[in-house]
Amino acid sequence: MFIMTGKAMMLMSMLFILCVGAEDKSLLYRRPACGDLSGNQACPLNFSPVCGNDGITYVNECTLCVQRMHTNTDILIVKEDRC
């Protein structure tokens, strides 16, 4: 028979709560529409900020795409506004 002590029971409860509360937020993020972005393409000057999952606010989706290309990192859009 397995009997749990009070501390072990509390630790298991805390672990369960933390696991249930942790969700994969990457499913809520959006992949930017970069299209056929080339290294010498200029982005439009419109100010339409997007927040990347790297915590950086980009001037617009195009500048996020340029950063993705230069760093070879899969940066996703968290929201359509500043971080």
PDB file of N, CA and C in Angstrom:
ATOM      1  N   MET A   1       0.839  -1.175   0.000  1.00  0.00           N
ATOM      2  CA  MET A   1       0.000   0.000   0.000  1.00  0.00           C
ATOM      3  C   MET A   1       0.890   1.246   0.000  1.00  0.00           C
ATOM      4  N   PHE A   2       0.512   2.231  -0.760  1.00  0.00           N
ATOM      5  CA  PHE A   2       1.292   3.458  -0.916  1.00  0.00           C
ATOM      6  C   PHE A   2       0.625   4.591  -0.138  1.00  0.00           C
ATOM      7  N   ILE A   3       1.337   5.130   0.821  1.00  0.00           N
ATOM      8  CA  ILE A   3       0.794   6.222   1.632  1.00  0.00           C
ATOM      9  C   ILE A   3       1.640   7.461   1.375  1.00  0.00           C
ATOM     10  N   MET A   4       0.993   8.566   0.975  1.00  0.00           N
ATOM     11  CA  MET A   4       1.703   9.823   0.712  1.00  0.00           C
ATOM     12  C   MET A   4       1.731  10.682   1.964  1.00  0.00           C
ATOM     13  N   THR A   5       2.866  11.290   2.180  1.00  0.00           N
ATOM     14  CA  THR A   5       2.960  12.242   3.280  1.00  0.00           C
ATOM     15  C   THR A   5       2.315  13.548   2.860  1.00  0.00           C
ATOM     16  N   GLY A   6       2.076  14.419   3.802  1.00  0.00           N
ATOM     17  CA  GLY A   6       1.455  15.713   3.507  1.00  0.00           C
ATOM     18  C   GLY A   6       2.278  16.543   2.541  1.00  0.00           C
ATOM     19  N   LYS A   7       3.611  16.527   2.742  1.00  0.00           N
ATOM     20  CA  LYS A   7       4.494  17.306   1.859  1.00  0.00           C
ATOM     21  C   LYS A   7       4.480  16.758   0.440  1.00  0.00           C
ATOM     22  N   ALA A   8       4.516  15.433   0.313  1.00  0.00           N
ATOM     23  CA  ALA A   8       4.512  14.823  -1.014  1.00  0.00           C
ATOM     24  C   ALA A   8       3.189  15.099  -1.725  1.00  0.00           C
ATOM     25  N   MET A   9       2.108  15.042  -0.984  1.00  0.00           N
ATOM     26  CA  MET A   9       0.785  15.307  -1.561  1.00  0.00           C
ATOM     27  C   MET A   9       0.694  16.755  -2.042  1.00  0.00           C
ATOM     28  N   MET A  10       1.221  17.668  -1.240  1.00  0.00           N
ATOM     29  CA  MET A  10       1.181  19.083  -1.613  1.00  0.00           C
ATOM     30  C   MET A  10       2.062  19.339  -2.834  1.00  0.00           C
ATOM     31  N   LEU A  11       3.218  18.704  -2.891  1.00  0.00           N
ATOM     32  CA  LEU A  11       4.114  18.853  -4.025  1.00  0.00           C
ATOM     33  C   LEU A  11       3.477  18.323  -5.306  1.00  0.00           C
ATOM     34  N   MET A  12       2.829  17.192  -5.227  1.00  0.00           N
ATOM     35  CA  MET A  12       2.146  16.619  -6.395  1.00  0.00           C
ATOM     36  C   MET A  12       1.009  17.532  -6.860  1.00  0.00           C
ATOM     37  N   SER A  13       0.286  18.107  -5.911  1.00  0.00           N
ATOM     38  CA  SER A  13      -0.813  19.024  -6.260  1.00  0.00           C
ATOM     39  C   SER A  13      -0.288  20.258  -6.965  1.00  0.00           C
ATOM     40  N   MET A  14       0.817  20.815  -6.455  1.00  0.00           N
ATOM     41  CA  MET A  14       1.422  22.007  -7.079  1.00  0.00           C
ATOM     42  C   MET A  14       1.895  21.692  -8.493  1.00  0.00           C
ATOM     43  N   LEU A  15       2.523  20.541  -8.666  1.00  0.00           N
ATOM     44  CA  LEU A  15       3.008  20.141  -9.981  1.00  0.00           C
ATOM     45  C   LEU A  15       1.856  19.998 -10.964  1.00  0.00           C
ATOM     46  N   PHE A  16       0.769  19.400 -10.527  1.00  0.00           N
ATOM     47  CA  PHE A  16      -0.409  19.235 -11.374  1.00  0.00           C
ATOM     48  C   PHE A  16      -0.971  20.592 -11.796  1.00  0.00           C
ATOM     49  N   ILE A  17      -1.077  21.518 -10.855  1.00  0.00           N
ATOM     50  CA  ILE A  17      -1.611  22.858 -11.143  1.00  0.00           C
ATOM     51  C   ILE A  17      -0.730  23.572 -12.157  1.00  0.00           C
ATOM     52  N   LEU A  18       0.586  23.488 -11.992  1.00  0.00           N
ATOM     53  CA  LEU A  18       1.503  24.145 -12.919  1.00  0.00           C
ATOM     54  C   LEU A  18       1.419  23.535 -14.311  1.00  0.00           C
ATOM     55  N   CYS A  19       1.290  22.227 -14.391  1.00  0.00           N
ATOM     56  CA  CYS A  19       1.207  21.567 -15.693  1.00  0.00           C
ATOM     57  C   CYS A  19      -0.095  21.899 -16.417  1.00  0.00           C
ATOM     58  N   VAL A  20      -1.186  21.982 -15.683  1.00  0.00           N
ATOM     59  CA  VAL A  20      -2.479  22.296 -16.284  1.00  0.00           C
ATOM     60  C   VAL A  20      -2.491  23.741 -16.769  1.00  0.00           C
ATOM     61  N   GLY A  21      -1.856  24.652 -16.023  1.00  0.00           N
ATOM     62  CA  GLY A  21      -1.854  26.066 -16.391  1.00  0.00           C
ATOM     63  C   GLY A  21      -0.917  26.383 -17.540  1.00  0.00           C
ATOM     64  N   ALA A  22       0.051  25.514 -17.790  1.00  0.00           N
ATOM     65  CA  ALA A  22       1.015  25.764 -18.867  1.00  0.00           C
ATOM     66  C   ALA A  22       0.405  25.308 -20.187  1.00  0.00           C
ATOM     67  N   GLU A  23       0.223  26.245 -21.091  1.00  0.00           N
ATOM     68  CA  GLU A  23      -0.309  25.884 -22.396  1.00  0.00           C
ATOM     69  C   GLU A  23       0.685  26.297 -23.462  1.00  0.00           C
ATOM     70  N   ASP A  24       0.627  25.681 -24.595  1.00  0.00           N
ATOM     71  CA  ASP A  24       1.516  25.997 -25.694  1.00  0.00           C
ATOM     72  C   ASP A  24       0.977  27.223 -26.417  1.00  0.00           C
ATOM     73  N   LYS A  25       1.509  28.386 -26.074  1.00  0.00           N
ATOM     74  CA  LYS A  25       1.026  29.630 -26.654  1.00  0.00           C
ATOM     75  C   LYS A  25       1.449  29.790 -28.112  1.00  0.00           C
ATOM     76  N   SER A  26       2.416  29.001 -28.576  1.00  0.00           N
ATOM     77  CA  SER A  26       2.851  29.124 -29.964  1.00  0.00           C
ATOM     78  C   SER A  26       1.719  28.795 -30.931  1.00  0.00           C
ATOM     79  N   LEU A  27       0.705  28.054 -30.473  1.00  0.00           N
ATOM     80  CA  LEU A  27      -0.438  27.759 -31.334  1.00  0.00           C
ATOM     81  C   LEU A  27      -1.300  28.998 -31.561  1.00  0.00           C
ATOM     82  N   LEU A  28      -1.153  29.999 -30.689  1.00  0.00           N
ATOM     83  CA  LEU A  28      -1.928  31.230 -30.806  1.00  0.00           C
ATOM     84  C   LEU A  28      -1.212  32.261 -31.677  1.00  0.00           C
ATOM     85  N   TYR A  29       0.049  32.021 -31.983  1.00  0.00           N
ATOM     86  CA  TYR A  29       0.833  32.975 -32.762  1.00  0.00           C
ATOM     87  C   TYR A  29       0.571  32.781 -34.252  1.00  0.00           C
ATOM     88  N   ARG A  30       0.866  33.824 -35.010  1.00  0.00           N
ATOM     89  CA  ARG A  30       0.623  33.785 -36.457  1.00  0.00           C
ATOM     90  C   ARG A  30       1.940  33.870 -37.207  1.00  0.00           C
ATOM     91  N   ARG A  31       2.080  33.068 -38.232  1.00  0.00           N
ATOM     92  CA  ARG A  31       3.268  33.124 -39.090  1.00  0.00           C
ATOM     93  C   ARG A  31       3.113  34.321 -40.033  1.00  0.00           C
ATOM     94  N   PRO A  32       4.134  35.165 -40.137  1.00  0.00           N
ATOM     95  CA  PRO A  32       4.022  36.337 -41.009  1.00  0.00           C
ATOM     96  C   PRO A  32       3.980  35.944 -42.484  1.00  0.00           C
ATOM     97  N   ALA A  33       3.325  36.778 -43.272  1.00  0.00           N
ATOM     98  CA  ALA A  33       3.230  36.545 -44.714  1.00  0.00           C
ATOM     99  C   ALA A  33       4.420  37.221 -45.384  1.00  0.00           C
ATOM    100  N   CYS A  34       5.518  36.501 -45.478  1.00  0.00           N
ATOM    101  CA  CYS A  34       6.754  37.083 -46.024  1.00  0.00           C
ATOM    102  C   CYS A  34       6.858  36.933 -47.538  1.00  0.00           C
ATOM    103  N   GLY A  35       6.167  35.970 -48.097  1.00  0.00           N
ATOM    104  CA  GLY A  35       6.205  35.791 -49.550  1.00  0.00           C
ATOM    105  C   GLY A  35       7.610  35.503 -50.050  1.00  0.00           C
ATOM    106  N   ASP A  36       7.962  36.088 -51.178  1.00  0.00           N
ATOM    107  CA  ASP A  36       9.287  35.900 -51.785  1.00  0.00           C
ATOM    108  C   ASP A  36      10.201  37.062 -51.427  1.00  0.00           C
ATOM    109  N   LEU A  37      10.453  37.224 -50.164  1.00  0.00           N
ATOM    110  CA  LEU A  37      11.300  38.315 -49.692  1.00  0.00           C
ATOM    111  C   LEU A  37      12.740  38.038 -50.083  1.00  0.00           C
ATOM    112  N   SER A  38      13.358  39.018 -50.733  1.00  0.00           N
ATOM    113  CA  SER A  38      14.766  38.874 -51.109  1.00  0.00           C
ATOM    114  C   SER A  38      15.614  39.802 -50.236  1.00  0.00           C
ATOM    115  N   GLY A  39      16.894  39.560 -50.222  1.00  0.00           N
ATOM    116  CA  GLY A  39      17.808  40.299 -49.360  1.00  0.00           C
ATOM    117  C   GLY A  39      17.902  41.785 -49.654  1.00  0.00           C
ATOM    118  N   ASN A  40      17.582  42.202 -50.866  1.00  0.00           N
ATOM    119  CA  ASN A  40      17.713  43.615 -51.224  1.00  0.00           C
ATOM    120  C   ASN A  40      16.363  44.320 -51.338  1.00  0.00           C
ATOM    121  N   GLN A  41      15.308  43.690 -50.867  1.00  0.00           N
ATOM    122  CA  GLN A  41      13.971  44.291 -50.945  1.00  0.00           C
ATOM    123  C   GLN A  41      13.792  45.313 -49.833  1.00  0.00           C
ATOM    124  N   ALA A  42      13.207  46.446 -50.164  1.00  0.00           N
ATOM    125  CA  ALA A  42      12.927  47.482 -49.175  1.00  0.00           C
ATOM    126  C   ALA A  42      11.503  47.304 -48.647  1.00  0.00           C
ATOM    127  N   CYS A  43      11.353  47.504 -47.348  1.00  0.00           N
ATOM    128  CA  CYS A  43      10.024  47.413 -46.739  1.00  0.00           C
ATOM    129  C   CYS A  43       9.300  48.743 -46.870  1.00  0.00           C
ATOM    130  N   PRO A  44       7.965  48.733 -46.915  1.00  0.00           N
ATOM    131  CA  PRO A  44       7.209  49.978 -46.945  1.00  0.00           C
ATOM    132  C   PRO A  44       7.416  50.744 -45.637  1.00  0.00           C
ATOM    133  N   LEU A  45       7.189  52.032 -45.687  1.00  0.00           N
ATOM    134  CA  LEU A  45       7.413  52.883 -44.523  1.00  0.00           C
ATOM    135  C   LEU A  45       6.194  53.005 -43.623  1.00  0.00           C
ATOM    136  N   ASN A  46       5.142  52.241 -43.884  1.00  0.00           N
ATOM    137  CA  ASN A  46       3.929  52.347 -43.062  1.00  0.00           C
ATOM    138  C   ASN A  46       4.199  51.868 -41.635  1.00  0.00           C
ATOM    139  N   PHE A  47       3.612  52.556 -40.666  1.00  0.00           N
ATOM    140  CA  PHE A  47       3.753  52.184 -39.266  1.00  0.00           C
ATOM    141  C   PHE A  47       2.551  51.343 -38.875  1.00  0.00           C
ATOM    142  N   SER A  48       2.771  50.048 -38.787  1.00  0.00           N
ATOM    143  CA  SER A  48       1.728  49.096 -38.421  1.00  0.00           C
ATOM    144  C   SER A  48       2.396  48.050 -37.526  1.00  0.00           C
ATOM    145  N   PRO A  49       2.663  48.420 -36.259  1.00  0.00           N
ATOM    146  CA  PRO A  49       3.503  47.577 -35.399  1.00  0.00           C
ATOM    147  C   PRO A  49       2.944  46.180 -35.160  1.00  0.00           C
ATOM    148  N   VAL A  50       3.874  45.226 -35.103  1.00  0.00           N
ATOM    149  CA  VAL A  50       3.560  43.847 -34.742  1.00  0.00           C
ATOM    150  C   VAL A  50       4.545  43.407 -33.671  1.00  0.00           C
ATOM    151  N   CYS A  51       4.067  42.575 -32.780  1.00  0.00           N
ATOM    152  CA  CYS A  51       4.890  42.062 -31.689  1.00  0.00           C
ATOM    153  C   CYS A  51       5.348  40.661 -32.041  1.00  0.00           C
ATOM    154  N   GLY A  52       6.662  40.453 -32.082  1.00  0.00           N
ATOM    155  CA  GLY A  52       7.209  39.132 -32.370  1.00  0.00           C
ATOM    156  C   GLY A  52       7.324  38.294 -31.111  1.00  0.00           C
ATOM    157  N   ASN A  53       7.363  36.986 -31.284  1.00  0.00           N
ATOM    158  CA  ASN A  53       7.497  36.116 -30.117  1.00  0.00           C
ATOM    159  C   ASN A  53       8.895  36.177 -29.509  1.00  0.00           C
ATOM    160  N   ASP A  54       9.759  37.001 -30.087  1.00  0.00           N
ATOM    161  CA  ASP A  54      11.074  37.255 -29.501  1.00  0.00           C
ATOM    162  C   ASP A  54      11.036  38.463 -28.561  1.00  0.00           C
ATOM    163  N   GLY A  55       9.833  39.049 -28.393  1.00  0.00           N
ATOM    164  CA  GLY A  55       9.668  40.179 -27.480  1.00  0.00           C
ATOM    165  C   GLY A  55       9.994  41.526 -28.086  1.00  0.00           C
ATOM    166  N   ILE A  56      10.233  41.580 -29.375  1.00  0.00           N
ATOM    167  CA  ILE A  56      10.585  42.826 -30.067  1.00  0.00           C
ATOM    168  C   ILE A  56       9.386  43.331 -30.846  1.00  0.00           C
ATOM    169  N   THR A  57       9.158  44.650 -30.787  1.00  0.00           N
ATOM    170  CA  THR A  57       8.120  45.278 -31.592  1.00  0.00           C
ATOM    171  C   THR A  57       8.745  45.681 -32.918  1.00  0.00           C
ATOM    172  N   TYR A  58       8.165  45.224 -33.999  1.00  0.00           N
ATOM    173  CA  TYR A  58       8.644  45.558 -35.346  1.00  0.00           C
ATOM    174  C   TYR A  58       7.734  46.618 -35.936  1.00  0.00           C
ATOM    175  N   VAL A  59       8.300  47.500 -36.750  1.00  0.00           N
ATOM    176  CA  VAL A  59       7.557  48.612 -37.349  1.00  0.00           C
ATOM    177  C   VAL A  59       6.373  48.098 -38.157  1.00  0.00           C
ATOM    178  N   ASN A  60       6.586  47.011 -38.876  1.00  0.00           N
ATOM    179  CA  ASN A  60       5.513  46.371 -39.639  1.00  0.00           C
ATOM    180  C   ASN A  60       5.891  44.915 -39.902  1.00  0.00           C
ATOM    181  N   GLU A  61       5.028  44.194 -40.518  1.00  0.00           N
ATOM    182  CA  GLU A  61       5.238  42.770 -40.766  1.00  0.00           C
ATOM    183  C   GLU A  61       6.448  42.521 -41.657  1.00  0.00           C
ATOM    184  N   CYS A  62       6.689  43.423 -42.584  1.00  0.00           N
ATOM    185  CA  CYS A  62       7.821  43.273 -43.498  1.00  0.00           C
ATOM    186  C   CYS A  62       9.145  43.330 -42.736  1.00  0.00           C
ATOM    187  N   THR A  63       9.282  44.257 -41.787  1.00  0.00           N
ATOM    188  CA  THR A  63      10.536  44.345 -41.032  1.00  0.00           C
ATOM    189  C   THR A  63      10.753  43.098 -40.177  1.00  0.00           C
ATOM    190  N   LEU A  64       9.671  42.496 -39.702  1.00  0.00           N
ATOM    191  CA  LEU A  64       9.784  41.228 -38.985  1.00  0.00           C
ATOM    192  C   LEU A  64      10.291  40.152 -39.944  1.00  0.00           C
ATOM    193  N   CYS A  65       9.780  40.145 -41.156  1.00  0.00           N
ATOM    194  CA  CYS A  65      10.221  39.176 -42.161  1.00  0.00           C
ATOM    195  C   CYS A  65      11.703  39.340 -42.489  1.00  0.00           C
ATOM    196  N   VAL A  66      12.156  40.574 -42.589  1.00  0.00           N
ATOM    197  CA  VAL A  66      13.571  40.833 -42.867  1.00  0.00           C
ATOM    198  C   VAL A  66      14.427  40.294 -41.719  1.00  0.00           C
ATOM    199  N   GLN A  67      13.981  40.512 -40.482  1.00  0.00           N
ATOM    200  CA  GLN A  67      14.715  40.003 -39.323  1.00  0.00           C
ATOM    201  C   GLN A  67      14.759  38.476 -39.330  1.00  0.00           C
ATOM    202  N   ARG A  68      13.652  37.853 -39.700  1.00  0.00           N
ATOM    203  CA  ARG A  68      13.608  36.389 -39.816  1.00  0.00           C
ATOM    204  C   ARG A  68      14.650  35.902 -40.813  1.00  0.00           C
ATOM    205  N   MET A  69      14.741  36.602 -41.948  1.00  0.00           N
ATOM    206  CA  MET A  69      15.655  36.205 -43.006  1.00  0.00           C
ATOM    207  C   MET A  69      17.115  36.382 -42.562  1.00  0.00           C
ATOM    208  N   HIS A  70      17.421  37.529 -41.947  1.00  0.00           N
ATOM    209  CA  HIS A  70      18.800  37.815 -41.558  1.00  0.00           C
ATOM    210  C   HIS A  70      19.295  36.914 -40.422  1.00  0.00           C
ATOM    211  N   THR A  71      18.415  36.577 -39.498  1.00  0.00           N
ATOM    212  CA  THR A  71      18.820  35.771 -38.346  1.00  0.00           C
ATOM    213  C   THR A  71      18.533  34.283 -38.530  1.00  0.00           C
ATOM    214  N   ASN A  72      17.815  33.955 -39.612  1.00  0.00           N
ATOM    215  CA  ASN A  72      17.405  32.573 -39.871  1.00  0.00           C
ATOM    216  C   ASN A  72      16.681  31.987 -38.648  1.00  0.00           C
ATOM    217  N   THR A  73      15.790  32.806 -38.080  1.00  0.00           N
ATOM    218  CA  THR A  73      15.022  32.439 -36.897  1.00  0.00           C
ATOM    219  C   THR A  73      13.543  32.453 -37.240  1.00  0.00           C
ATOM    220  N   ASP A  74      12.804  31.510 -36.699  1.00  0.00           N
ATOM    221  CA  ASP A  74      11.368  31.428 -36.956  1.00  0.00           C
ATOM    222  C   ASP A  74      10.612  32.350 -35.992  1.00  0.00           C
ATOM    223  N   ILE A  75      10.575  33.638 -36.304  1.00  0.00           N
ATOM    224  CA  ILE A  75       9.883  34.619 -35.470  1.00  0.00           C
ATOM    225  C   ILE A  75       8.425  34.663 -35.897  1.00  0.00           C
ATOM    226  N   LEU A  76       7.525  34.515 -34.933  1.00  0.00           N
ATOM    227  CA  LEU A  76       6.092  34.534 -35.203  1.00  0.00           C
ATOM    228  C   LEU A  76       5.484  35.815 -34.648  1.00  0.00           C
ATOM    229  N   ILE A  77       4.287  36.157 -35.120  1.00  0.00           N
ATOM    230  CA  ILE A  77       3.589  37.357 -34.655  1.00  0.00           C
ATOM    231  C   ILE A  77       2.702  36.974 -33.487  1.00  0.00           C
ATOM    232  N   VAL A  78       2.945  37.623 -32.344  1.00  0.00           N
ATOM    233  CA  VAL A  78       2.173  37.383 -31.134  1.00  0.00           C
ATOM    234  C   VAL A  78       0.879  38.187 -31.180  1.00  0.00           C
ATOM    235  N   LYS A  79       0.995  39.465 -31.594  1.00  0.00           N
ATOM    236  CA  LYS A  79      -0.187  40.305 -31.721  1.00  0.00           C
ATOM    237  C   LYS A  79       0.072  41.451 -32.672  1.00  0.00           C
ATOM    238  N   GLU A  80      -0.999  42.039 -33.143  1.00  0.00           N
ATOM    239  CA  GLU A  80      -0.943  43.147 -34.090  1.00  0.00           C
ATOM    240  C   GLU A  80      -0.875  44.469 -33.329  1.00  0.00           C
ATOM    241  N   ASP A  81       0.197  44.699 -32.624  1.00  0.00           N
ATOM    242  CA  ASP A  81       0.396  45.921 -31.849  1.00  0.00           C
ATOM    243  C   ASP A  81       1.773  45.858 -31.228  1.00  0.00           C
ATOM    244  N   ARG A  82       2.089  46.848 -30.445  1.00  0.00           N
ATOM    245  CA  ARG A  82       3.376  46.840 -29.746  1.00  0.00           C
ATOM    246  C   ARG A  82       3.393  45.762 -28.669  1.00  0.00           C
ATOM    247  N   CYS A  83       4.583  45.296 -28.372  1.00  0.00           N
ATOM    248  CA  CYS A  83       4.745  44.275 -27.311  1.00  0.00           C
ATOM    249  C   CYS A  83       4.473  44.870 -25.950  1.00  0.00           C
TER     250      CYS A  83
END
